[in-house]
Amino acid sequence: MKKHAYLIIANKNPEQLKKLLGSLDDERNDIYLLIDKKSLIKDINFKNDVTKSKIFQYAPVEIFWGDYSQIEAEMFLFKQAAKNNYEYYHLISGADLPLVSQDKIHDFFDKNPNKEFLTLILDKNNDQKIADRVSIYHFFVKICGKNTK
């Protein structure tokens, strides 16, 4: 059986995260969960919300948007998941929800073996938002946050 690994970084909305975990709970999936230490949900154990998948929930770490800590968190999850052999690795946030069933997701990837999928949004209305996110370097994101200029 071709297994998928779902790597999830979450920081809020525990009920939505539970819904996400429920929608991923399938014997063909393993789930790797990392919670932001600054989150109010850091003390919740989500292992009881998953019955068919293996879930690996790690000790919370501080993650700052746009900071290298975000990349470190992603790489940590990839390194943990790489200890096992998966057909696909899905890096998502705790705010994501699949729009189709696990049967449809697995069927899609079974029909497209050895392909990688990335999203690119070309939207003239979003050009300024994208420029705002990448044109300013936030030196002190750990101290001031991302919303200060």
C-alpha atoms as a PDB file:
ATOM      1  CA  MET A   1       0.000   0.000   0.000  1.00  0.00           C
ATOM      2  CA  LYS A   2       1.314   3.435  -0.955  1.00  0.00           C
ATOM      3  CA  LYS A   3       1.268   5.637   2.121  1.00  0.00           C
ATOM      4  CA  HIS A   4       1.161   9.387   2.386  1.00  0.00           C
ATOM      5  CA  ALA A   5       2.632  11.537   5.142  1.00  0.00           C
ATOM      6  CA  TYR A   6       0.779  14.663   6.215  1.00  0.00           C
ATOM      7  CA  LEU A   7       3.069  17.185   7.902  1.00  0.00           C
ATOM      8  CA  ILE A   8       1.023  19.738   9.810  1.00  0.00           C
ATOM      9  CA  ILE A   9       2.117  22.915  11.568  1.00  0.00           C
ATOM     10  CA  ALA A  10      -0.718  24.388  13.626  1.00  0.00           C
ATOM     11  CA  ASN A  11      -1.105  27.423  15.856  1.00  0.00           C
ATOM     12  CA  LYS A  12      -4.822  27.992  16.564  1.00  0.00           C
ATOM     13  CA  ASN A  13      -8.402  26.766  16.183  1.00  0.00           C
ATOM     14  CA  PRO A  14      -8.317  23.369  17.937  1.00  0.00           C
ATOM     15  CA  GLU A  15     -11.785  22.422  16.670  1.00  0.00           C
ATOM     16  CA  GLN A  16     -10.755  23.053  13.074  1.00  0.00           C
ATOM     17  CA  LEU A  17      -7.558  21.084  13.652  1.00  0.00           C
ATOM     18  CA  LYS A  18      -9.635  18.172  15.007  1.00  0.00           C
ATOM     19  CA  LYS A  19     -11.788  18.330  11.872  1.00  0.00           C
ATOM     20  CA  LEU A  20      -8.647  18.295   9.710  1.00  0.00           C
ATOM     21  CA  LEU A  21      -7.239  15.308  11.584  1.00  0.00           C
ATOM     22  CA  GLY A  22     -10.550  13.484  11.196  1.00  0.00           C
ATOM     23  CA  SER A  23     -10.571  14.113   7.447  1.00  0.00           C
ATOM     24  CA  LEU A  24      -7.008  12.760   7.123  1.00  0.00           C
ATOM     25  CA  ASP A  25      -7.579   9.772   9.416  1.00  0.00           C
ATOM     26  CA  ASP A  26      -7.085   6.888   6.995  1.00  0.00           C
ATOM     27  CA  GLU A  27      -4.961   3.736   7.170  1.00  0.00           C
ATOM     28  CA  ARG A  28      -3.104   4.980   4.059  1.00  0.00           C
ATOM     29  CA  ASN A  29      -1.886   8.122   5.880  1.00  0.00           C
ATOM     30  CA  ASP A  30       0.474   8.943   8.706  1.00  0.00           C
ATOM     31  CA  ILE A  31       0.213  12.337  10.380  1.00  0.00           C
ATOM     32  CA  TYR A  32       3.101  14.404  11.774  1.00  0.00           C
ATOM     33  CA  LEU A  33       1.847  17.253  13.946  1.00  0.00           C
ATOM     34  CA  LEU A  34       3.817  20.191  15.318  1.00  0.00           C
ATOM     35  CA  ILE A  35       2.132  22.931  17.352  1.00  0.00           C
ATOM     36  CA  ASP A  36       3.500  26.457  17.736  1.00  0.00           C
ATOM     37  CA  LYS A  37       4.615  26.915  21.343  1.00  0.00           C
ATOM     38  CA  LYS A  38       2.986  30.367  21.443  1.00  0.00           C
ATOM     39  CA  SER A  39      -0.392  28.778  20.693  1.00  0.00           C
ATOM     40  CA  LEU A  40      -3.140  28.230  23.217  1.00  0.00           C
ATOM     41  CA  ILE A  41      -3.571  24.682  21.866  1.00  0.00           C
ATOM     42  CA  LYS A  42      -0.046  23.568  22.736  1.00  0.00           C
ATOM     43  CA  ASP A  43      -1.265  21.559  25.743  1.00  0.00           C
ATOM     44  CA  ILE A  44      -3.854  19.493  23.834  1.00  0.00           C
ATOM     45  CA  ASN A  45      -3.031  15.907  22.925  1.00  0.00           C
ATOM     46  CA  PHE A  46      -4.639  15.181  19.558  1.00  0.00           C
ATOM     47  CA  LYS A  47      -3.649  11.497  19.469  1.00  0.00           C
ATOM     48  CA  ASN A  48      -7.125  10.438  20.627  1.00  0.00           C
ATOM     49  CA  ASP A  49      -8.698  12.174  17.611  1.00  0.00           C
ATOM     50  CA  VAL A  50      -7.051   9.773  15.161  1.00  0.00           C
ATOM     51  CA  THR A  51      -7.875   6.042  15.086  1.00  0.00           C
ATOM     52  CA  LYS A  52      -6.824   4.724  11.642  1.00  0.00           C
ATOM     53  CA  SER A  53      -3.654   6.682  10.928  1.00  0.00           C
ATOM     54  CA  LYS A  54      -0.498   6.746  12.941  1.00  0.00           C
ATOM     55  CA  ILE A  55      -0.091  10.190  14.446  1.00  0.00           C
ATOM     56  CA  PHE A  56       3.176  11.608  15.699  1.00  0.00           C
ATOM     57  CA  GLN A  57       2.695  14.702  17.842  1.00  0.00           C
ATOM     58  CA  TYR A  58       5.883  16.479  18.845  1.00  0.00           C
ATOM     59  CA  ALA A  59       6.700  18.850  21.668  1.00  0.00           C
ATOM     60  CA  PRO A  60       5.679  22.409  20.729  1.00  0.00           C
ATOM     61  CA  VAL A  61       8.332  24.801  19.407  1.00  0.00           C
ATOM     62  CA  GLU A  62       8.226  28.566  18.911  1.00  0.00           C
ATOM     63  CA  ILE A  63       7.531  29.378  15.275  1.00  0.00           C
ATOM     64  CA  PHE A  64       7.468  32.907  13.834  1.00  0.00           C
ATOM     65  CA  TRP A  65       5.872  33.664  10.469  1.00  0.00           C
ATOM     66  CA  GLY A  66       8.437  34.691   7.865  1.00  0.00           C
ATOM     67  CA  ASP A  67      11.307  33.686  10.153  1.00  0.00           C
ATOM     68  CA  TYR A  68      13.841  30.911   9.762  1.00  0.00           C
ATOM     69  CA  SER A  69      12.069  29.146  12.649  1.00  0.00           C
ATOM     70  CA  GLN A  70       9.267  28.375  10.190  1.00  0.00           C
ATOM     71  CA  ILE A  71      11.707  26.609   7.863  1.00  0.00           C
ATOM     72  CA  GLU A  72      13.269  24.795  10.819  1.00  0.00           C
ATOM     73  CA  ALA A  73       9.827  23.517  11.845  1.00  0.00           C
ATOM     74  CA  GLU A  74       9.126  22.288   8.317  1.00  0.00           C
ATOM     75  CA  MET A  75      12.517  20.606   8.038  1.00  0.00           C
ATOM     76  CA  PHE A  76      12.039  18.951  11.431  1.00  0.00           C
ATOM     77  CA  LEU A  77       8.789  17.386  10.230  1.00  0.00           C
ATOM     78  CA  PHE A  78      10.346  16.292   6.926  1.00  0.00           C
ATOM     79  CA  LYS A  79      13.260  14.669   8.774  1.00  0.00           C
ATOM     80  CA  GLN A  80      10.898  12.820  11.102  1.00  0.00           C
ATOM     81  CA  ALA A  81       8.732  11.602   8.228  1.00  0.00           C
ATOM     82  CA  ALA A  82      11.757  10.647   6.108  1.00  0.00           C
ATOM     83  CA  LYS A  83      12.545   7.927   8.647  1.00  0.00           C
ATOM     84  CA  ASN A  84       9.693   6.052   6.976  1.00  0.00           C
ATOM     85  CA  ASN A  85       9.147   5.540   3.286  1.00  0.00           C
ATOM     86  CA  TYR A  86       6.160   7.452   1.895  1.00  0.00           C
ATOM     87  CA  GLU A  87       4.915   7.829  -1.621  1.00  0.00           C
ATOM     88  CA  TYR A  88       3.994  11.490  -1.019  1.00  0.00           C
ATOM     89  CA  TYR A  89       4.617  14.141   1.633  1.00  0.00           C
ATOM     90  CA  HIS A  90       2.006  16.866   2.116  1.00  0.00           C
ATOM     91  CA  LEU A  91       3.076  19.969   4.061  1.00  0.00           C
ATOM     92  CA  ILE A  92      -0.031  21.798   5.265  1.00  0.00           C
ATOM     93  CA  SER A  93      -1.146  24.118   8.037  1.00  0.00           C
ATOM     94  CA  GLY A  94      -3.614  23.335  10.779  1.00  0.00           C
ATOM     95  CA  ALA A  95      -6.042  25.716   9.063  1.00  0.00           C
ATOM     96  CA  ASP A  96      -6.243  23.619   5.874  1.00  0.00           C
ATOM     97  CA  LEU A  97      -9.054  21.203   5.053  1.00  0.00           C
ATOM     98  CA  PRO A  98      -9.188  18.763   2.124  1.00  0.00           C
ATOM     99  CA  LEU A  99     -12.057  19.429  -0.271  1.00  0.00           C
ATOM    100  CA  VAL A 100     -12.380  15.808  -1.402  1.00  0.00           C
ATOM    101  CA  SER A 101     -12.270  12.394   0.249  1.00  0.00           C
ATOM    102  CA  GLN A 102      -9.115  10.419   0.945  1.00  0.00           C
ATOM    103  CA  ASP A 103     -10.225   7.943  -1.735  1.00  0.00           C
ATOM    104  CA  LYS A 104     -10.189  10.725  -4.341  1.00  0.00           C
ATOM    105  CA  ILE A 105      -6.873  12.105  -3.089  1.00  0.00           C
ATOM    106  CA  HIS A 106      -5.157   8.707  -3.188  1.00  0.00           C
ATOM    107  CA  ASP A 107      -6.726   7.881  -6.566  1.00  0.00           C
ATOM    108  CA  PHE A 108      -5.377  11.158  -8.003  1.00  0.00           C
ATOM    109  CA  PHE A 109      -1.838  10.479  -6.803  1.00  0.00           C
ATOM    110  CA  ASP A 110      -2.020   6.838  -7.925  1.00  0.00           C
ATOM    111  CA  LYS A 111      -2.884   8.090 -11.427  1.00  0.00           C
ATOM    112  CA  ASN A 112       0.009  10.599 -11.355  1.00  0.00           C
ATOM    113  CA  PRO A 113       2.977   8.625 -10.000  1.00  0.00           C
ATOM    114  CA  ASN A 114       6.361  10.304  -9.517  1.00  0.00           C
ATOM    115  CA  LYS A 115       5.000  13.793 -10.074  1.00  0.00           C
ATOM    116  CA  GLU A 116       5.313  16.806  -7.801  1.00  0.00           C
ATOM    117  CA  PHE A 117       2.563  19.367  -7.427  1.00  0.00           C
ATOM    118  CA  LEU A 118       3.011  23.020  -6.469  1.00  0.00           C
ATOM    119  CA  THR A 119       0.501  25.841  -6.514  1.00  0.00           C
ATOM    120  CA  LEU A 120       1.117  29.067  -8.395  1.00  0.00           C
ATOM    121  CA  ILE A 121      -1.511  31.784  -8.297  1.00  0.00           C
ATOM    122  CA  LEU A 122      -1.352  34.359 -11.052  1.00  0.00           C
ATOM    123  CA  ASP A 123      -3.786  37.059 -10.030  1.00  0.00           C
ATOM    124  CA  LYS A 124      -3.256  40.723 -10.860  1.00  0.00           C
ATOM    125  CA  ASN A 125      -5.344  41.672  -7.814  1.00  0.00           C
ATOM    126  CA  ASN A 126      -2.934  39.806  -5.552  1.00  0.00           C
ATOM    127  CA  ASP A 127       0.255  41.290  -7.033  1.00  0.00           C
ATOM    128  CA  GLN A 128       0.469  44.047  -4.399  1.00  0.00           C
ATOM    129  CA  LYS A 129      -0.210  41.623  -1.542  1.00  0.00           C
ATOM    130  CA  ILE A 130       2.554  39.331  -2.789  1.00  0.00           C
ATOM    131  CA  ALA A 131       4.934  42.273  -3.256  1.00  0.00           C
ATOM    132  CA  ASP A 132       4.183  43.462   0.287  1.00  0.00           C
ATOM    133  CA  ARG A 133       5.033  40.020   1.703  1.00  0.00           C
ATOM    134  CA  VAL A 134       8.391  39.669  -0.049  1.00  0.00           C
ATOM    135  CA  SER A 135       9.653  43.218  -0.589  1.00  0.00           C
ATOM    136  CA  ILE A 136      10.219  44.110   3.056  1.00  0.00           C
ATOM    137  CA  TYR A 137      12.657  42.213   5.243  1.00  0.00           C
ATOM    138  CA  HIS A 138      11.411  42.052   8.806  1.00  0.00           C
ATOM    139  CA  PHE A 139      14.649  41.964  10.829  1.00  0.00           C
ATOM    140  CA  PHE A 140      13.068  41.588  14.247  1.00  0.00           C
ATOM    141  CA  VAL A 141      10.058  39.372  13.568  1.00  0.00           C
ATOM    142  CA  LYS A 142      10.683  37.433  16.795  1.00  0.00           C
ATOM    143  CA  ILE A 143      10.557  40.656  18.816  1.00  0.00           C
ATOM    144  CA  CYS A 144       8.101  42.906  16.941  1.00  0.00           C
ATOM    145  CA  GLY A 145       5.976  40.483  14.949  1.00  0.00           C
ATOM    146  CA  LYS A 146       5.186  40.572  11.259  1.00  0.00           C
ATOM    147  CA  ASN A 147       2.701  43.446  11.271  1.00  0.00           C
ATOM    148  CA  THR A 148       5.068  46.241  12.243  1.00  0.00           C
ATOM    149  CA  LYS A 149       6.889  48.476   9.764  1.00  0.00           C
END
